[in-house]
Amino acid sequence: MFNQIEKSEEILIEAEKKGVKRFLERYYDLLDELKAVDVPSFNISSNDLQDAIEGIKRGRYVLKTIKLPFNLESKSDASKKAFLLGFAKGLNGFSDVVNKYWENSFCPVCGSLPGIGVLGEKNDGRMSLVCSLCEMQWDFRRMLCPFCINEDQKILGYFYPDSDEGYRVNYCDKCKTYLKIIDVTKKGNIYPFQVEDILTLSLDILAQEKGYKRLSPNPFGMVTVK
């Protein structure tokens, strides 16, 4: 179900340079735990898929539209995440539907909040959001707060870290939240999103020191980083 992230020397060197090697190693351990979880298999039928598409058009995320063969809420966190990761990745071709009809700031698959954003991955310079739970990715307006839907440019902003303009932090002074953004146009090649979230823990600290809060958990379930 899961594609084990290769523990490449390049990633480990960068993690050690940024002081987050232990966090990254913990994440690899988490992936191993998820692989060992016994998750009920579930294949989405063509009827269910059509229902999901119709739900997306009406602003309902997939798991609010279709019924699962078991109660997802009763499962452990590891089982829930394991299922959702596999389920989201199994919706082949579904991203085209999502990006055509979905305009919400919560995940079109599981309804969770975004954990990170990606800028410039597509040629038109659009931004996309990445779900903090199932890793589904979908397009979203650049100058709009994904948490309170504020579009007042006077109280929206962003800042770059001094060391790397491949990352930036978008913030909103209305709801005092922030979202880390990977700027592909300046960074080039990127790691898997969960690894990027770990490698940028220093940005969480910086944003939180400025008085902004993170609403969605990072790969370790943390919203506050000290």
C-alpha atoms as a PDB file:
ATOM      1  CA  MET A   1       0.000   0.000   0.000  1.00  0.00           C
ATOM      2  CA  PHE A   2       2.729   2.427   0.869  1.00  0.00           C
ATOM      3  CA  ASN A   3       5.735   3.561  -1.067  1.00  0.00           C
ATOM      4  CA  GLN A   4       8.565   3.532   1.426  1.00  0.00           C
ATOM      5  CA  ILE A   5      10.512   6.770   1.175  1.00  0.00           C
ATOM      6  CA  GLU A   6      14.056   5.934   0.235  1.00  0.00           C
ATOM      7  CA  LYS A   7      16.408   6.975   3.019  1.00  0.00           C
ATOM      8  CA  SER A   8      18.726   8.631   0.564  1.00  0.00           C
ATOM      9  CA  GLU A   9      21.996  10.121   1.690  1.00  0.00           C
ATOM     10  CA  GLU A  10      20.868  13.462   0.265  1.00  0.00           C
ATOM     11  CA  ILE A  11      17.778  13.619   2.490  1.00  0.00           C
ATOM     12  CA  LEU A  12      19.654  12.529   5.603  1.00  0.00           C
ATOM     13  CA  ILE A  13      22.420  15.074   5.007  1.00  0.00           C
ATOM     14  CA  GLU A  14      19.847  17.846   4.652  1.00  0.00           C
ATOM     15  CA  ALA A  15      17.986  16.632   7.738  1.00  0.00           C
ATOM     16  CA  GLU A  16      21.211  16.625   9.760  1.00  0.00           C
ATOM     17  CA  LYS A  17      22.112  20.105   8.476  1.00  0.00           C
ATOM     18  CA  LYS A  18      18.729  21.430   9.598  1.00  0.00           C
ATOM     19  CA  GLY A  19      18.876  19.644  12.926  1.00  0.00           C
ATOM     20  CA  VAL A  20      15.874  17.422  12.273  1.00  0.00           C
ATOM     21  CA  LYS A  21      17.525  14.079  11.540  1.00  0.00           C
ATOM     22  CA  ARG A  22      15.959  12.414  14.595  1.00  0.00           C
ATOM     23  CA  PHE A  23      12.521  13.647  13.547  1.00  0.00           C
ATOM     24  CA  LEU A  24      13.006  12.256  10.059  1.00  0.00           C
ATOM     25  CA  GLU A  25      14.140   8.906  11.428  1.00  0.00           C
ATOM     26  CA  ARG A  26      11.014   8.836  13.615  1.00  0.00           C
ATOM     27  CA  TYR A  27       8.957   9.438  10.499  1.00  0.00           C
ATOM     28  CA  TYR A  28      10.551   6.453   8.771  1.00  0.00           C
ATOM     29  CA  ASP A  29       9.649   4.389  11.838  1.00  0.00           C
ATOM     30  CA  LEU A  30       6.074   5.693  11.584  1.00  0.00           C
ATOM     31  CA  LEU A  31       5.886   4.556   7.956  1.00  0.00           C
ATOM     32  CA  ASP A  32       7.033   1.095   9.025  1.00  0.00           C
ATOM     33  CA  GLU A  33       4.291   1.017  11.666  1.00  0.00           C
ATOM     34  CA  LEU A  34       1.677   2.026   9.099  1.00  0.00           C
ATOM     35  CA  LYS A  35       2.815  -0.742   6.753  1.00  0.00           C
ATOM     36  CA  ALA A  36       2.275  -3.277   9.528  1.00  0.00           C
ATOM     37  CA  VAL A  37      -1.306  -2.170  10.260  1.00  0.00           C
ATOM     38  CA  ASP A  38      -3.991  -4.609   9.184  1.00  0.00           C
ATOM     39  CA  VAL A  39      -6.381  -2.351   7.260  1.00  0.00           C
ATOM     40  CA  PRO A  40      -9.605  -3.742   5.739  1.00  0.00           C
ATOM     41  CA  SER A  41      -9.412  -3.702   1.955  1.00  0.00           C
ATOM     42  CA  PHE A  42     -11.870  -1.505   0.096  1.00  0.00           C
ATOM     43  CA  ASN A  43     -12.344  -1.099  -3.613  1.00  0.00           C
ATOM     44  CA  ILE A  44     -14.476   1.827  -4.723  1.00  0.00           C
ATOM     45  CA  SER A  45     -17.085   0.711  -7.259  1.00  0.00           C
ATOM     46  CA  SER A  46     -17.984   2.650 -10.389  1.00  0.00           C
ATOM     47  CA  ASN A  47     -21.293   3.647  -8.757  1.00  0.00           C
ATOM     48  CA  ASP A  48     -19.499   4.855  -5.630  1.00  0.00           C
ATOM     49  CA  LEU A  49     -17.038   6.784  -7.760  1.00  0.00           C
ATOM     50  CA  GLN A  50     -19.865   8.462  -9.635  1.00  0.00           C
ATOM     51  CA  ASP A  51     -21.521   9.328  -6.316  1.00  0.00           C
ATOM     52  CA  ALA A  52     -18.203  10.770  -5.122  1.00  0.00           C
ATOM     53  CA  ILE A  53     -17.882  12.896  -8.272  1.00  0.00           C
ATOM     54  CA  GLU A  54     -21.420  14.232  -7.850  1.00  0.00           C
ATOM     55  CA  GLY A  55     -20.639  14.958  -4.212  1.00  0.00           C
ATOM     56  CA  ILE A  56     -17.486  16.876  -5.150  1.00  0.00           C
ATOM     57  CA  LYS A  57     -19.538  19.039  -7.513  1.00  0.00           C
ATOM     58  CA  ARG A  58     -21.808  19.884  -4.586  1.00  0.00           C
ATOM     59  CA  GLY A  59     -18.945  20.668  -2.222  1.00  0.00           C
ATOM     60  CA  ARG A  60     -19.021  17.393  -0.250  1.00  0.00           C
ATOM     61  CA  TYR A  61     -15.819  15.460   0.317  1.00  0.00           C
ATOM     62  CA  VAL A  62     -15.650  11.815  -0.757  1.00  0.00           C
ATOM     63  CA  LEU A  63     -15.955  10.129   2.638  1.00  0.00           C
ATOM     64  CA  LYS A  64     -19.035  12.232   3.388  1.00  0.00           C
ATOM     65  CA  THR A  65     -20.645  11.027   0.175  1.00  0.00           C
ATOM     66  CA  ILE A  66     -19.987   7.293   0.036  1.00  0.00           C
ATOM     67  CA  LYS A  67     -20.324   4.625   2.721  1.00  0.00           C
ATOM     68  CA  LEU A  68     -17.391   2.532   3.859  1.00  0.00           C
ATOM     69  CA  PRO A  69     -17.686  -1.171   4.741  1.00  0.00           C
ATOM     70  CA  PHE A  70     -16.552  -0.433   8.322  1.00  0.00           C
ATOM     71  CA  ASN A  71     -16.678   2.419  10.811  1.00  0.00           C
ATOM     72  CA  LEU A  72     -13.558   4.458  10.163  1.00  0.00           C
ATOM     73  CA  GLU A  73     -14.001   6.436  13.382  1.00  0.00           C
ATOM     74  CA  SER A  74     -13.627   3.291  15.483  1.00  0.00           C
ATOM     75  CA  LYS A  75     -10.180   2.504  14.134  1.00  0.00           C
ATOM     76  CA  SER A  76      -6.912   3.512  15.757  1.00  0.00           C
ATOM     77  CA  ASP A  77      -5.145   6.615  14.438  1.00  0.00           C
ATOM     78  CA  ALA A  78      -2.569   4.476  12.666  1.00  0.00           C
ATOM     79  CA  SER A  79      -5.246   2.345  11.009  1.00  0.00           C
ATOM     80  CA  LYS A  80      -7.208   5.412   9.989  1.00  0.00           C
ATOM     81  CA  LYS A  81      -4.211   7.118   8.445  1.00  0.00           C
ATOM     82  CA  ALA A  82      -3.091   3.898   6.762  1.00  0.00           C
ATOM     83  CA  PHE A  83      -6.492   3.404   5.175  1.00  0.00           C
ATOM     84  CA  LEU A  84      -6.832   7.012   4.063  1.00  0.00           C
ATOM     85  CA  LEU A  85      -3.366   7.103   2.518  1.00  0.00           C
ATOM     86  CA  GLY A  86      -4.106   4.006   0.473  1.00  0.00           C
ATOM     87  CA  PHE A  87      -7.632   5.121  -0.368  1.00  0.00           C
ATOM     88  CA  ALA A  88      -6.616   8.590  -1.565  1.00  0.00           C
ATOM     89  CA  LYS A  89      -3.810   7.214  -3.702  1.00  0.00           C
ATOM     90  CA  GLY A  90      -6.191   4.627  -5.163  1.00  0.00           C
ATOM     91  CA  LEU A  91      -8.557   7.190  -6.654  1.00  0.00           C
ATOM     92  CA  ASN A  92      -6.881   7.072 -10.038  1.00  0.00           C
ATOM     93  CA  GLY A  93      -7.720  10.035 -12.257  1.00  0.00           C
ATOM     94  CA  PHE A  94      -9.770  11.625  -9.518  1.00  0.00           C
ATOM     95  CA  SER A  95      -7.492  14.664  -9.214  1.00  0.00           C
ATOM     96  CA  ASP A  96      -8.779  15.967 -12.567  1.00  0.00           C
ATOM     97  CA  VAL A  97     -12.324  15.969 -11.199  1.00  0.00           C
ATOM     98  CA  VAL A  98     -11.210  17.599  -7.957  1.00  0.00           C
ATOM     99  CA  ASN A  99      -9.302  20.403  -9.665  1.00  0.00           C
ATOM    100  CA  LYS A 100     -12.209  21.082 -12.007  1.00  0.00           C
ATOM    101  CA  TYR A 101     -14.947  21.324  -9.382  1.00  0.00           C
ATOM    102  CA  TRP A 102     -13.452  21.595  -5.886  1.00  0.00           C
ATOM    103  CA  GLU A 103     -13.052  25.113  -4.466  1.00  0.00           C
ATOM    104  CA  ASN A 104     -13.020  24.357  -0.739  1.00  0.00           C
ATOM    105  CA  SER A 105     -10.042  24.665   1.573  1.00  0.00           C
ATOM    106  CA  PHE A 106     -10.563  21.280   3.253  1.00  0.00           C
ATOM    107  CA  CYS A 107      -9.549  17.959   1.732  1.00  0.00           C
ATOM    108  CA  PRO A 108     -11.869  16.646  -1.019  1.00  0.00           C
ATOM    109  CA  VAL A 109     -11.229  13.053   0.106  1.00  0.00           C
ATOM    110  CA  CYS A 110     -11.296  13.001   3.927  1.00  0.00           C
ATOM    111  CA  GLY A 111     -12.304  16.540   4.901  1.00  0.00           C
ATOM    112  CA  SER A 112      -9.112  17.342   6.845  1.00  0.00           C
ATOM    113  CA  LEU A 113      -7.282  20.675   6.754  1.00  0.00           C
ATOM    114  CA  PRO A 114      -4.192  21.239   4.582  1.00  0.00           C
ATOM    115  CA  GLY A 115      -0.789  20.686   6.127  1.00  0.00           C
ATOM    116  CA  ILE A 116       1.383  22.376   3.529  1.00  0.00           C
ATOM    117  CA  GLY A 117       1.063  24.257   0.243  1.00  0.00           C
ATOM    118  CA  VAL A 118       2.894  24.039  -3.078  1.00  0.00           C
ATOM    119  CA  LEU A 119       3.481  27.011  -5.343  1.00  0.00           C
ATOM    120  CA  GLY A 120       4.537  26.954  -9.002  1.00  0.00           C
ATOM    121  CA  GLU A 121       4.329  23.199  -9.502  1.00  0.00           C
ATOM    122  CA  LYS A 122       2.185  23.800 -12.582  1.00  0.00           C
ATOM    123  CA  ASN A 123       3.183  26.003 -15.488  1.00  0.00           C
ATOM    124  CA  ASP A 124       0.428  28.538 -14.806  1.00  0.00           C
ATOM    125  CA  GLY A 125       1.866  29.318 -11.365  1.00  0.00           C
ATOM    126  CA  ARG A 126      -1.150  28.102  -9.422  1.00  0.00           C
ATOM    127  CA  MET A 127      -0.942  27.073  -5.783  1.00  0.00           C
ATOM    128  CA  SER A 128      -2.133  23.752  -4.429  1.00  0.00           C
ATOM    129  CA  LEU A 129      -2.847  22.464  -0.941  1.00  0.00           C
ATOM    130  CA  VAL A 130      -1.808  19.084   0.475  1.00  0.00           C
ATOM    131  CA  CYS A 131      -4.011  17.288   3.013  1.00  0.00           C
ATOM    132  CA  SER A 132      -2.412  16.852   6.432  1.00  0.00           C
ATOM    133  CA  LEU A 133      -3.935  13.379   6.801  1.00  0.00           C
ATOM    134  CA  CYS A 134      -4.328  11.536   3.495  1.00  0.00           C
ATOM    135  CA  GLU A 135      -1.912  13.656   1.384  1.00  0.00           C
ATOM    136  CA  MET A 136      -4.466  14.405  -1.329  1.00  0.00           C
ATOM    137  CA  GLN A 137      -3.413  17.476  -3.332  1.00  0.00           C
ATOM    138  CA  TRP A 138      -5.779  20.008  -4.885  1.00  0.00           C
ATOM    139  CA  ASP A 139      -5.645  23.468  -6.499  1.00  0.00           C
ATOM    140  CA  PHE A 140      -6.507  26.539  -4.446  1.00  0.00           C
ATOM    141  CA  ARG A 141      -6.527  30.311  -4.949  1.00  0.00           C
ATOM    142  CA  ARG A 142      -3.167  31.870  -4.089  1.00  0.00           C
ATOM    143  CA  MET A 143      -4.296  35.039  -2.316  1.00  0.00           C
ATOM    144  CA  LEU A 144      -6.911  33.544  -0.028  1.00  0.00           C
ATOM    145  CA  CYS A 145      -6.566  32.274   3.538  1.00  0.00           C
ATOM    146  CA  PRO A 146      -7.403  28.546   3.520  1.00  0.00           C
ATOM    147  CA  PHE A 147      -8.549  28.664   7.143  1.00  0.00           C
ATOM    148  CA  CYS A 148     -10.886  31.664   7.391  1.00  0.00           C
ATOM    149  CA  ILE A 149     -11.315  32.389   3.635  1.00  0.00           C
ATOM    150  CA  ASN A 150     -10.132  35.954   4.117  1.00  0.00           C
ATOM    151  CA  GLU A 151      -9.245  37.622   0.812  1.00  0.00           C
ATOM    152  CA  ASP A 152      -8.354  41.087   2.098  1.00  0.00           C
ATOM    153  CA  GLN A 153      -4.864  41.594   0.679  1.00  0.00           C
ATOM    154  CA  LYS A 154      -4.074  44.170   3.352  1.00  0.00           C
ATOM    155  CA  ILE A 155      -4.076  41.523   6.095  1.00  0.00           C
ATOM    156  CA  LEU A 156      -2.622  38.650   4.098  1.00  0.00           C
ATOM    157  CA  GLY A 157       1.122  38.286   3.709  1.00  0.00           C
ATOM    158  CA  TYR A 158       4.114  36.002   3.575  1.00  0.00           C
ATOM    159  CA  PHE A 159       7.765  35.899   4.562  1.00  0.00           C
ATOM    160  CA  TYR A 160      10.801  33.916   3.498  1.00  0.00           C
ATOM    161  CA  PRO A 161      13.415  32.367   5.760  1.00  0.00           C
ATOM    162  CA  ASP A 162      16.806  34.043   5.465  1.00  0.00           C
ATOM    163  CA  SER A 163      18.520  30.853   4.381  1.00  0.00           C
ATOM    164  CA  ASP A 164      16.271  29.409   1.650  1.00  0.00           C
ATOM    165  CA  GLU A 165      13.789  31.160  -0.652  1.00  0.00           C
ATOM    166  CA  GLY A 166      12.559  27.757  -1.804  1.00  0.00           C
ATOM    167  CA  TYR A 167      10.195  27.948   1.154  1.00  0.00           C
ATOM    168  CA  ARG A 168       7.929  30.666   2.443  1.00  0.00           C
ATOM    169  CA  VAL A 169       5.235  31.094   5.064  1.00  0.00           C
ATOM    170  CA  ASN A 170       1.814  32.508   4.150  1.00  0.00           C
ATOM    171  CA  TYR A 171      -0.003  34.140   7.072  1.00  0.00           C
ATOM    172  CA  CYS A 172      -3.354  35.745   7.769  1.00  0.00           C
ATOM    173  CA  ASP A 173      -3.738  38.565  10.277  1.00  0.00           C
ATOM    174  CA  LYS A 174      -7.486  38.027  10.514  1.00  0.00           C
ATOM    175  CA  CYS A 175      -7.404  34.522  11.998  1.00  0.00           C
ATOM    176  CA  LYS A 176      -3.674  34.582  12.946  1.00  0.00           C
ATOM    177  CA  THR A 177      -2.912  31.318  11.157  1.00  0.00           C
ATOM    178  CA  TYR A 178      -0.092  30.345   8.799  1.00  0.00           C
ATOM    179  CA  LEU A 179       0.702  27.752   6.161  1.00  0.00           C
ATOM    180  CA  LYS A 180       4.158  26.708   4.989  1.00  0.00           C
ATOM    181  CA  ILE A 181       4.597  26.863   1.221  1.00  0.00           C
ATOM    182  CA  ILE A 182       7.082  25.021  -0.986  1.00  0.00           C
ATOM    183  CA  ASP A 183       8.009  27.369  -3.835  1.00  0.00           C
ATOM    184  CA  VAL A 184       8.931  24.996  -6.644  1.00  0.00           C
ATOM    185  CA  THR A 185       9.953  27.863  -8.932  1.00  0.00           C
ATOM    186  CA  LYS A 186      12.800  28.669  -6.552  1.00  0.00           C
ATOM    187  CA  LYS A 187      13.494  25.280  -4.973  1.00  0.00           C
ATOM    188  CA  GLY A 188      13.334  22.973  -7.966  1.00  0.00           C
ATOM    189  CA  ASN A 189      13.200  19.327  -6.920  1.00  0.00           C
ATOM    190  CA  ILE A 190      11.127  18.626  -3.815  1.00  0.00           C
ATOM    191  CA  TYR A 191      10.940  15.710  -1.395  1.00  0.00           C
ATOM    192  CA  PRO A 192       7.702  13.915  -0.468  1.00  0.00           C
ATOM    193  CA  PHE A 193       5.412  16.402   1.251  1.00  0.00           C
ATOM    194  CA  GLN A 194       5.553  14.802   4.695  1.00  0.00           C
ATOM    195  CA  VAL A 195       9.359  14.897   4.582  1.00  0.00           C
ATOM    196  CA  GLU A 196       9.256  18.550   3.509  1.00  0.00           C
ATOM    197  CA  ASP A 197       6.997  19.266   6.494  1.00  0.00           C
ATOM    198  CA  ILE A 198       9.597  17.759   8.818  1.00  0.00           C
ATOM    199  CA  LEU A 199      12.547  19.501   7.174  1.00  0.00           C
ATOM    200  CA  THR A 200      10.835  22.877   7.655  1.00  0.00           C
ATOM    201  CA  LEU A 201      10.139  22.629  11.402  1.00  0.00           C
ATOM    202  CA  SER A 202      12.234  25.770  11.860  1.00  0.00           C
ATOM    203  CA  LEU A 203       9.592  27.684   9.875  1.00  0.00           C
ATOM    204  CA  ASP A 204       6.902  26.474  12.281  1.00  0.00           C
ATOM    205  CA  ILE A 205       8.962  27.795  15.171  1.00  0.00           C
ATOM    206  CA  LEU A 206       9.539  31.123  13.414  1.00  0.00           C
ATOM    207  CA  ALA A 207       5.852  31.591  12.523  1.00  0.00           C
ATOM    208  CA  GLN A 208       4.690  30.640  16.000  1.00  0.00           C
ATOM    209  CA  GLU A 209       7.176  33.042  17.578  1.00  0.00           C
ATOM    210  CA  LYS A 210       5.539  35.757  15.468  1.00  0.00           C
ATOM    211  CA  GLY A 211       2.165  34.902  17.032  1.00  0.00           C
ATOM    212  CA  TYR A 212       0.650  32.757  14.280  1.00  0.00           C
ATOM    213  CA  LYS A 213      -0.796  29.293  14.861  1.00  0.00           C
ATOM    214  CA  ARG A 214      -0.857  26.069  12.916  1.00  0.00           C
ATOM    215  CA  LEU A 215      -4.279  24.400  12.721  1.00  0.00           C
ATOM    216  CA  SER A 216      -3.422  21.065  11.123  1.00  0.00           C
ATOM    217  CA  PRO A 217      -0.995  18.581  12.677  1.00  0.00           C
ATOM    218  CA  ASN A 218       2.392  17.742  11.184  1.00  0.00           C
ATOM    219  CA  PRO A 219       3.342  14.082  10.498  1.00  0.00           C
ATOM    220  CA  PHE A 220       3.863  13.553  14.250  1.00  0.00           C
ATOM    221  CA  GLY A 221       0.516  15.009  15.257  1.00  0.00           C
ATOM    222  CA  MET A 222       2.054  18.281  16.487  1.00  0.00           C
ATOM    223  CA  VAL A 223       0.477  21.690  15.926  1.00  0.00           C
ATOM    224  CA  THR A 224       2.795  23.520  18.309  1.00  0.00           C
ATOM    225  CA  VAL A 225       6.528  23.203  17.714  1.00  0.00           C
ATOM    226  CA  LYS A 226       9.012  24.332  20.354  1.00  0.00           C
END
